[in-house]
Amino acid sequence: MTLDCFQIDVSFKRVKGEINEFEINTYDSKHHLILSFCRVFTNVFTAEGYHRLFSSLFQIVHEVSGQHMQFKHIHGQGIGCILADLDAAQAKGLGLVLHDLDSEKSWKIHLTYILKSCLIHFERNLFHKKFSTSTKNLIRQIPNATSKEQVYDLLKQIEDTNDEGIKDILFIYFGNFKTLIIILKYCFLY
């Protein structure tokens, strides 16, 4: 089986305690099925932890299949897209393992080639935030921005709202505005 795309996700609801489930899935449109390739139970959610997780996963794929993971932007064939939910540590860990495969590009640049976010996750996460309606409307404009300058302008407006927790949530999700630009602007699928 060859894949063009897969999805990574952490489930916080199916496992009790501090352990959560990390999954790698894909959708088989021919049979209308979600196929789970991997489940990892973990309580480590740092960039370094995800880096180790992806490194181990790629090594296991090689040991089981005899083939190395390949990525279109590095090898010219293989995985062209990884769908994720914009978890900053997850994204950085993935970027770091891709940098291990191709050190010519920074981990952030690798993400611009491969990481995509589903707007459903984006909307679901935004729905649960207690920001004002006007702040949420500003945030919703980011995926449709047509230039880096427009994204910067929106981020400045969002930061200036001074909604309680807005700066913290931007930092928690994205570390800094530069990472936010890379992950948000270039990484939306829909």
Protein backbone atom coordinates (compact mmCIF):
# COMPACT_ATOMS: atom_id res chain seq x y z
CA MET A 1 0.00 0.00 0.00
CA THR A 2 1.29 3.43 -0.89
CA LEU A 3 0.11 6.60 0.80
CA ASP A 4 -0.01 10.16 -0.42
CA CYS A 5 -1.34 11.48 2.86
CA PHE A 6 -2.01 10.48 6.46
CA GLN A 7 -3.44 12.10 9.56
CA ILE A 8 -1.87 12.39 13.00
CA ASP A 9 -4.01 13.01 16.04
CA VAL A 10 -3.95 12.72 19.81
CA SER A 11 -7.06 11.42 21.54
CA PHE A 12 -7.60 12.76 25.03
CA LYS A 13 -10.83 10.94 25.72
CA ARG A 14 -10.33 7.21 25.24
CA VAL A 15 -7.57 6.64 27.79
CA LYS A 16 -7.90 7.30 31.50
CA GLY A 17 -5.21 9.15 33.45
CA GLU A 18 -2.21 11.02 32.14
CA ILE A 19 -1.71 8.67 29.19
CA ASN A 20 -3.12 9.72 25.84
CA GLU A 21 -3.39 7.95 22.51
CA PHE A 22 -1.48 9.18 19.46
CA GLU A 23 -2.83 7.78 16.19
CA ILE A 24 -1.81 7.70 12.55
CA ASN A 25 -4.77 7.20 10.23
CA THR A 26 -5.84 7.55 6.65
CA TYR A 27 -9.17 7.48 4.87
CA ASP A 28 -9.81 4.85 2.21
CA SER A 29 -12.29 6.56 -0.11
CA LYS A 30 -12.79 3.40 -2.19
CA HIS A 31 -14.12 1.44 0.80
CA HIS A 32 -15.24 4.44 2.91
CA LEU A 33 -13.12 3.36 5.87
CA ILE A 34 -10.75 5.02 8.29
CA LEU A 35 -7.63 2.90 8.53
CA SER A 36 -5.51 3.17 11.65
CA PHE A 37 -1.85 2.34 11.02
CA CYS A 38 -0.45 3.05 14.42
CA ARG A 39 -1.45 3.81 17.99
CA VAL A 40 1.08 5.00 20.55
CA PHE A 41 0.13 5.44 24.19
CA THR A 42 2.19 8.24 25.71
CA ASN A 43 2.32 10.89 28.37
CA VAL A 44 5.08 12.92 26.69
CA PHE A 45 3.84 15.89 24.67
CA THR A 46 6.98 17.93 24.04
CA ALA A 47 8.64 18.63 20.70
CA GLU A 48 11.54 16.36 21.67
CA GLY A 49 9.08 13.63 22.69
CA TYR A 50 7.32 13.83 19.33
CA HIS A 51 10.70 13.91 17.58
CA ARG A 52 11.57 10.60 19.27
CA LEU A 53 8.10 9.22 18.49
CA PHE A 54 8.34 10.01 14.77
CA SER A 55 11.96 8.78 14.58
CA SER A 56 10.98 5.48 16.21
CA LEU A 57 7.92 5.15 14.01
CA PHE A 58 9.90 5.70 10.80
CA GLN A 59 12.48 3.14 11.99
CA ILE A 60 9.75 0.57 12.72
CA VAL A 61 8.20 1.14 9.27
CA HIS A 62 11.62 0.42 7.76
CA GLU A 63 12.14 -2.73 9.89
CA VAL A 64 8.68 -4.10 9.07
CA SER A 65 8.48 -3.17 5.38
CA GLY A 66 12.11 -3.01 4.35
CA GLN A 67 11.39 0.45 2.93
CA HIS A 68 12.32 3.85 4.26
CA MET A 69 9.61 6.50 4.69
CA GLN A 70 9.72 8.82 1.71
CA PHE A 71 8.38 12.34 1.37
CA LYS A 72 7.63 14.10 -1.91
CA HIS A 73 9.39 17.33 -0.99
CA ILE A 74 12.57 15.43 -0.02
CA HIS A 75 12.64 12.31 -2.21
CA GLY A 76 10.39 13.34 -5.12
CA GLN A 77 7.90 10.59 -4.21
CA GLY A 78 6.03 9.31 -1.19
CA ILE A 79 4.01 11.21 1.43
CA GLY A 80 2.96 14.62 0.19
CA CYS A 81 0.71 15.69 3.04
CA ILE A 82 0.30 15.08 6.75
CA LEU A 83 -2.93 16.33 8.29
CA ALA A 84 -2.64 17.52 11.88
CA ASP A 85 -4.49 19.57 14.46
CA LEU A 86 -1.94 22.39 14.86
CA ASP A 87 -0.34 21.16 18.05
CA ALA A 88 2.92 23.15 18.20
CA ALA A 89 4.98 20.39 19.86
CA GLN A 90 3.67 17.77 17.42
CA ALA A 91 4.46 20.02 14.46
CA LYS A 92 7.98 20.80 15.68
CA GLY A 93 8.70 17.13 16.43
CA LEU A 94 7.62 16.20 12.90
CA GLY A 95 9.68 19.05 11.46
CA LEU A 96 12.75 17.92 13.42
CA VAL A 97 12.54 14.34 12.14
CA LEU A 98 12.15 15.64 8.57
CA HIS A 99 15.20 17.84 9.18
CA ASP A 100 17.06 14.67 10.22
CA LEU A 101 16.24 13.25 6.77
CA ASP A 102 17.13 16.47 4.91
CA SER A 103 19.27 18.95 6.82
CA GLU A 104 19.29 21.38 3.88
CA LYS A 105 15.95 22.75 5.10
CA SER A 106 15.08 23.94 8.59
CA TRP A 107 12.40 22.08 10.52
CA LYS A 108 10.04 25.02 9.97
CA ILE A 109 10.54 25.03 6.21
CA HIS A 110 9.86 21.28 6.06
CA LEU A 111 6.46 21.95 7.64
CA THR A 112 5.52 24.38 4.88
CA TYR A 113 5.86 21.54 2.38
CA ILE A 114 3.97 18.80 4.16
CA LEU A 115 1.90 19.81 7.20
CA LYS A 116 -1.72 20.71 6.60
CA SER A 117 -4.44 21.47 9.09
CA CYS A 118 -8.05 20.60 8.86
CA LEU A 119 -10.31 23.61 9.33
CA ILE A 120 -12.69 21.41 11.29
CA HIS A 121 -10.06 21.06 14.04
CA PHE A 122 -9.35 24.79 13.77
CA GLU A 123 -13.04 25.69 14.18
CA ARG A 124 -13.61 23.13 16.94
CA ASN A 125 -10.67 24.48 18.95
CA LEU A 126 -11.80 28.06 18.39
CA PHE A 127 -15.41 27.29 19.36
CA HIS A 128 -14.34 26.26 22.86
CA LYS A 129 -12.30 29.41 23.50
CA LYS A 130 -13.91 32.19 25.55
CA PHE A 131 -12.84 35.01 23.26
CA SER A 132 -15.17 37.73 22.09
CA THR A 133 -17.07 37.19 18.86
CA SER A 134 -15.04 39.93 17.15
CA THR A 135 -11.76 38.25 18.18
CA LYS A 136 -12.98 34.88 16.91
CA ASN A 137 -13.98 36.52 13.62
CA LEU A 138 -10.45 37.96 13.27
CA ILE A 139 -8.95 34.54 13.96
CA ARG A 140 -11.25 32.95 11.36
CA GLN A 141 -9.84 35.28 8.70
CA ILE A 142 -6.29 33.86 8.99
CA PRO A 143 -6.77 30.79 6.74
CA ASN A 144 -8.09 33.01 3.94
CA ALA A 145 -5.36 35.64 4.14
CA THR A 146 -3.59 36.07 0.82
CA SER A 147 -0.22 37.39 2.01
CA LYS A 148 2.18 37.17 4.93
CA GLU A 149 1.55 40.87 5.57
CA GLN A 150 -2.18 40.26 5.86
CA VAL A 151 -1.54 37.45 8.37
CA TYR A 152 0.78 39.72 10.41
CA ASP A 153 -1.88 42.44 10.39
CA LEU A 154 -4.54 40.00 11.60
CA LEU A 155 -2.23 38.69 14.33
CA LYS A 156 -1.53 42.23 15.52
CA GLN A 157 -5.26 42.99 15.61
CA ILE A 158 -5.89 39.74 17.51
CA GLU A 159 -3.16 40.52 20.01
CA ASP A 160 -4.49 44.08 20.45
CA THR A 161 -7.93 42.81 21.44
CA ASN A 162 -6.47 42.05 24.86
CA ASP A 163 -9.07 39.30 25.30
CA GLU A 164 -8.20 37.38 28.43
CA GLY A 165 -5.78 34.61 27.54
CA ILE A 166 -5.28 35.61 23.88
CA LYS A 167 -1.50 36.09 24.17
CA ASP A 168 -1.13 32.92 26.22
CA ILE A 169 -3.09 30.82 23.76
CA LEU A 170 -1.12 32.17 20.79
CA PHE A 171 2.12 31.34 22.62
CA ILE A 172 0.94 27.91 23.81
CA TYR A 173 -0.19 26.86 20.34
CA PHE A 174 2.53 28.43 18.26
CA GLY A 175 5.46 29.52 20.45
CA ASN A 176 5.87 32.78 18.59
CA PHE A 177 4.37 34.67 15.67
CA LYS A 178 7.00 33.44 13.21
CA THR A 179 6.04 29.82 13.87
CA LEU A 180 2.38 30.79 13.73
CA ILE A 181 2.85 32.27 10.25
CA ILE A 182 4.52 29.11 9.00
CA ILE A 183 2.03 26.71 10.54
CA LEU A 184 -1.17 28.66 9.85
CA LYS A 185 -0.68 30.50 6.58
CA TYR A 186 0.96 27.74 4.62
CA CYS A 187 -0.64 24.74 6.25
CA PHE A 188 -4.39 24.82 5.71
CA LEU A 189 -5.91 22.15 3.53
CA TYR A 190 -9.42 23.50 3.04
